N, C-alpha and C. Protein backbone atom coordinates (compact mmCIF):
# COMPACT_ATOMS: atom_id res chain seq x y z
N UNK A 1 -142.18 40.50 -66.59
CA UNK A 1 -142.18 40.35 -65.15
C UNK A 1 -143.24 39.34 -64.73
N UNK A 2 -144.36 39.36 -65.44
CA UNK A 2 -145.43 38.42 -65.08
C UNK A 2 -144.98 36.98 -65.28
N UNK A 3 -144.30 36.72 -66.39
CA UNK A 3 -143.88 35.35 -66.68
C UNK A 3 -142.84 34.86 -65.68
N UNK A 4 -142.01 35.76 -65.18
CA UNK A 4 -141.02 35.37 -64.18
C UNK A 4 -141.58 35.41 -62.77
N UNK A 5 -142.79 35.93 -62.63
CA UNK A 5 -143.46 36.07 -61.34
C UNK A 5 -142.65 36.93 -60.37
N UNK A 6 -142.07 38.00 -60.92
CA UNK A 6 -141.37 38.98 -60.09
C UNK A 6 -142.38 40.05 -59.72
N UNK A 7 -142.51 40.39 -58.44
CA UNK A 7 -143.49 41.38 -58.02
C UNK A 7 -143.24 42.74 -58.68
N UNK A 8 -144.32 43.48 -58.89
CA UNK A 8 -144.22 44.78 -59.55
C UNK A 8 -143.29 45.73 -58.79
N UNK A 9 -143.23 45.59 -57.47
CA UNK A 9 -142.36 46.46 -56.68
C UNK A 9 -140.88 46.17 -56.93
N UNK A 10 -140.59 45.08 -57.63
CA UNK A 10 -139.21 44.68 -57.91
C UNK A 10 -138.85 44.86 -59.38
N UNK A 11 -139.35 45.94 -59.96
CA UNK A 11 -139.09 46.23 -61.37
C UNK A 11 -137.59 46.30 -61.66
N UNK A 12 -136.83 46.86 -60.74
CA UNK A 12 -135.37 46.96 -60.96
C UNK A 12 -134.73 45.59 -61.11
N UNK A 13 -135.23 44.61 -60.40
CA UNK A 13 -134.70 43.25 -60.53
C UNK A 13 -134.90 42.74 -61.96
N UNK A 14 -136.09 42.96 -62.50
CA UNK A 14 -136.38 42.54 -63.87
C UNK A 14 -135.51 43.29 -64.87
N UNK A 15 -135.25 44.56 -64.61
CA UNK A 15 -134.39 45.35 -65.50
C UNK A 15 -132.97 44.80 -65.48
N UNK A 16 -132.45 44.46 -64.31
CA UNK A 16 -131.10 43.89 -64.22
C UNK A 16 -131.01 42.61 -65.05
N UNK A 17 -132.00 41.76 -64.95
CA UNK A 17 -132.02 40.51 -65.70
C UNK A 17 -132.08 40.80 -67.20
N UNK A 18 -132.95 41.72 -67.60
CA UNK A 18 -133.11 42.04 -69.02
C UNK A 18 -131.83 42.63 -69.62
N UNK A 19 -131.21 43.55 -68.91
CA UNK A 19 -129.98 44.18 -69.41
C UNK A 19 -128.87 43.13 -69.57
N UNK A 20 -128.71 42.28 -68.58
CA UNK A 20 -127.68 41.24 -68.66
C UNK A 20 -127.96 40.29 -69.83
N UNK A 21 -129.21 39.98 -70.06
CA UNK A 21 -129.58 39.07 -71.14
C UNK A 21 -129.34 39.70 -72.51
N UNK A 22 -129.86 40.88 -72.72
CA UNK A 22 -129.77 41.55 -74.02
C UNK A 22 -128.33 41.90 -74.40
N UNK A 23 -127.52 42.21 -73.40
CA UNK A 23 -126.14 42.61 -73.67
C UNK A 23 -125.15 41.44 -73.58
N UNK A 24 -125.68 40.23 -73.56
CA UNK A 24 -124.85 39.01 -73.56
C UNK A 24 -123.82 38.99 -72.43
N UNK A 25 -124.22 39.44 -71.26
CA UNK A 25 -123.34 39.40 -70.09
C UNK A 25 -123.22 37.94 -69.64
N UNK A 26 -122.01 37.48 -69.39
CA UNK A 26 -121.82 36.08 -69.01
C UNK A 26 -122.38 35.75 -67.63
N UNK A 27 -122.13 36.65 -66.66
CA UNK A 27 -122.55 36.41 -65.28
C UNK A 27 -123.34 37.60 -64.74
N UNK A 28 -124.43 37.31 -64.06
CA UNK A 28 -125.17 38.31 -63.31
C UNK A 28 -124.99 37.92 -61.84
N UNK A 29 -124.20 38.71 -61.13
CA UNK A 29 -123.86 38.39 -59.74
C UNK A 29 -124.74 39.22 -58.81
N UNK A 30 -125.38 38.56 -57.88
CA UNK A 30 -126.33 39.25 -57.01
C UNK A 30 -126.48 38.52 -55.68
N UNK A 31 -126.87 39.28 -54.67
CA UNK A 31 -127.25 38.69 -53.38
C UNK A 31 -128.76 38.49 -53.32
N UNK A 32 -129.48 38.93 -54.34
CA UNK A 32 -130.93 38.86 -54.35
C UNK A 32 -131.39 37.45 -54.72
N UNK A 33 -131.53 36.62 -53.73
CA UNK A 33 -131.95 35.23 -53.97
C UNK A 33 -133.47 35.10 -54.05
N UNK A 34 -134.18 36.14 -53.69
CA UNK A 34 -135.64 36.09 -53.74
C UNK A 34 -136.15 36.25 -55.17
N UNK A 35 -135.57 37.18 -55.93
CA UNK A 35 -136.11 37.49 -57.25
C UNK A 35 -135.15 37.26 -58.41
N UNK A 36 -133.86 37.08 -58.13
CA UNK A 36 -132.91 36.94 -59.24
C UNK A 36 -132.17 35.61 -59.16
N UNK A 37 -131.35 35.40 -58.15
CA UNK A 37 -130.56 34.16 -58.02
C UNK A 37 -131.42 33.08 -57.37
N UNK A 38 -132.43 32.68 -58.09
CA UNK A 38 -133.45 31.77 -57.59
C UNK A 38 -133.68 30.71 -58.66
N UNK A 39 -133.60 29.46 -58.32
CA UNK A 39 -133.70 28.38 -59.31
C UNK A 39 -134.98 28.44 -60.13
N UNK A 40 -136.09 28.77 -59.50
CA UNK A 40 -137.36 28.85 -60.24
C UNK A 40 -137.35 30.00 -61.24
N UNK A 41 -136.81 31.15 -60.83
CA UNK A 41 -136.72 32.30 -61.73
C UNK A 41 -135.80 31.97 -62.90
N UNK A 42 -134.66 31.37 -62.61
CA UNK A 42 -133.69 31.04 -63.67
C UNK A 42 -134.30 30.06 -64.67
N UNK A 43 -135.02 29.08 -64.18
CA UNK A 43 -135.67 28.10 -65.07
C UNK A 43 -136.66 28.80 -66.01
N UNK A 44 -137.47 29.69 -65.47
CA UNK A 44 -138.43 30.43 -66.29
C UNK A 44 -137.72 31.37 -67.25
N UNK A 45 -136.67 32.02 -66.77
CA UNK A 45 -135.90 32.95 -67.60
C UNK A 45 -135.29 32.23 -68.80
N UNK A 46 -134.74 31.06 -68.57
CA UNK A 46 -134.15 30.29 -69.67
C UNK A 46 -135.19 29.96 -70.73
N UNK A 47 -136.36 29.58 -70.29
CA UNK A 47 -137.43 29.24 -71.23
C UNK A 47 -137.85 30.47 -72.03
N UNK A 48 -138.03 31.60 -71.36
CA UNK A 48 -138.43 32.84 -72.03
C UNK A 48 -137.34 33.28 -73.00
N UNK A 49 -136.10 33.34 -72.52
CA UNK A 49 -135.01 33.80 -73.38
C UNK A 49 -134.81 32.88 -74.58
N UNK A 50 -134.92 31.59 -74.38
CA UNK A 50 -134.80 30.66 -75.50
C UNK A 50 -135.87 30.89 -76.55
N UNK A 51 -137.08 31.21 -76.12
CA UNK A 51 -138.17 31.44 -77.07
C UNK A 51 -137.91 32.69 -77.92
N UNK A 52 -137.16 33.65 -77.37
CA UNK A 52 -136.82 34.87 -78.11
C UNK A 52 -135.40 34.82 -78.67
N UNK A 53 -134.73 33.69 -78.48
CA UNK A 53 -133.33 33.51 -78.91
C UNK A 53 -132.42 34.59 -78.33
N UNK A 54 -132.59 34.80 -77.03
CA UNK A 54 -131.80 35.77 -76.28
C UNK A 54 -130.91 35.00 -75.30
N UNK A 55 -129.71 35.50 -75.13
CA UNK A 55 -128.73 34.91 -74.20
C UNK A 55 -129.27 34.90 -72.77
N UNK A 56 -128.99 33.84 -72.04
CA UNK A 56 -129.32 33.79 -70.62
C UNK A 56 -128.01 33.77 -69.83
N UNK A 57 -127.79 34.79 -69.00
CA UNK A 57 -126.55 34.81 -68.21
C UNK A 57 -126.59 33.77 -67.10
N UNK A 58 -125.42 33.41 -66.63
CA UNK A 58 -125.34 32.57 -65.43
C UNK A 58 -125.62 33.50 -64.26
N UNK A 59 -126.62 33.16 -63.47
CA UNK A 59 -127.02 34.01 -62.35
C UNK A 59 -126.56 33.32 -61.07
N UNK A 60 -125.77 34.05 -60.28
CA UNK A 60 -125.21 33.44 -59.08
C UNK A 60 -124.90 34.50 -58.02
N UNK A 61 -124.62 34.02 -56.83
CA UNK A 61 -124.19 34.91 -55.75
C UNK A 61 -122.68 35.11 -55.88
N UNK A 62 -122.12 36.14 -55.23
CA UNK A 62 -120.67 36.33 -55.27
C UNK A 62 -119.90 35.09 -54.79
N UNK A 63 -120.41 34.43 -53.77
CA UNK A 63 -119.76 33.22 -53.26
C UNK A 63 -119.70 32.13 -54.32
N UNK A 64 -120.81 31.95 -55.04
CA UNK A 64 -120.84 30.94 -56.09
C UNK A 64 -119.86 31.28 -57.21
N UNK A 65 -119.74 32.55 -57.54
CA UNK A 65 -118.82 32.96 -58.60
C UNK A 65 -117.38 32.67 -58.22
N UNK A 66 -117.05 32.84 -56.95
CA UNK A 66 -115.68 32.60 -56.50
C UNK A 66 -115.29 31.13 -56.62
N UNK A 67 -116.29 30.24 -56.69
CA UNK A 67 -116.02 28.81 -56.84
C UNK A 67 -115.75 28.42 -58.28
N UNK A 68 -116.06 29.31 -59.23
CA UNK A 68 -115.89 29.00 -60.66
C UNK A 68 -114.44 29.03 -61.03
């Protein structure tokens, strides 16, 4: 959580990201643009996951997913 700079009060957000990553989920769909669907968070997450050789899901809002 520290590396992603997610506030401690948002532990559930970090858990959602971790579960999606570890279980190789293709998409993590969320309306939470503050702590999850955020370009800065995604950039940091990719770096962290790559260092541990863990999958990084595509993180997007429902609207963005509908465009895929």
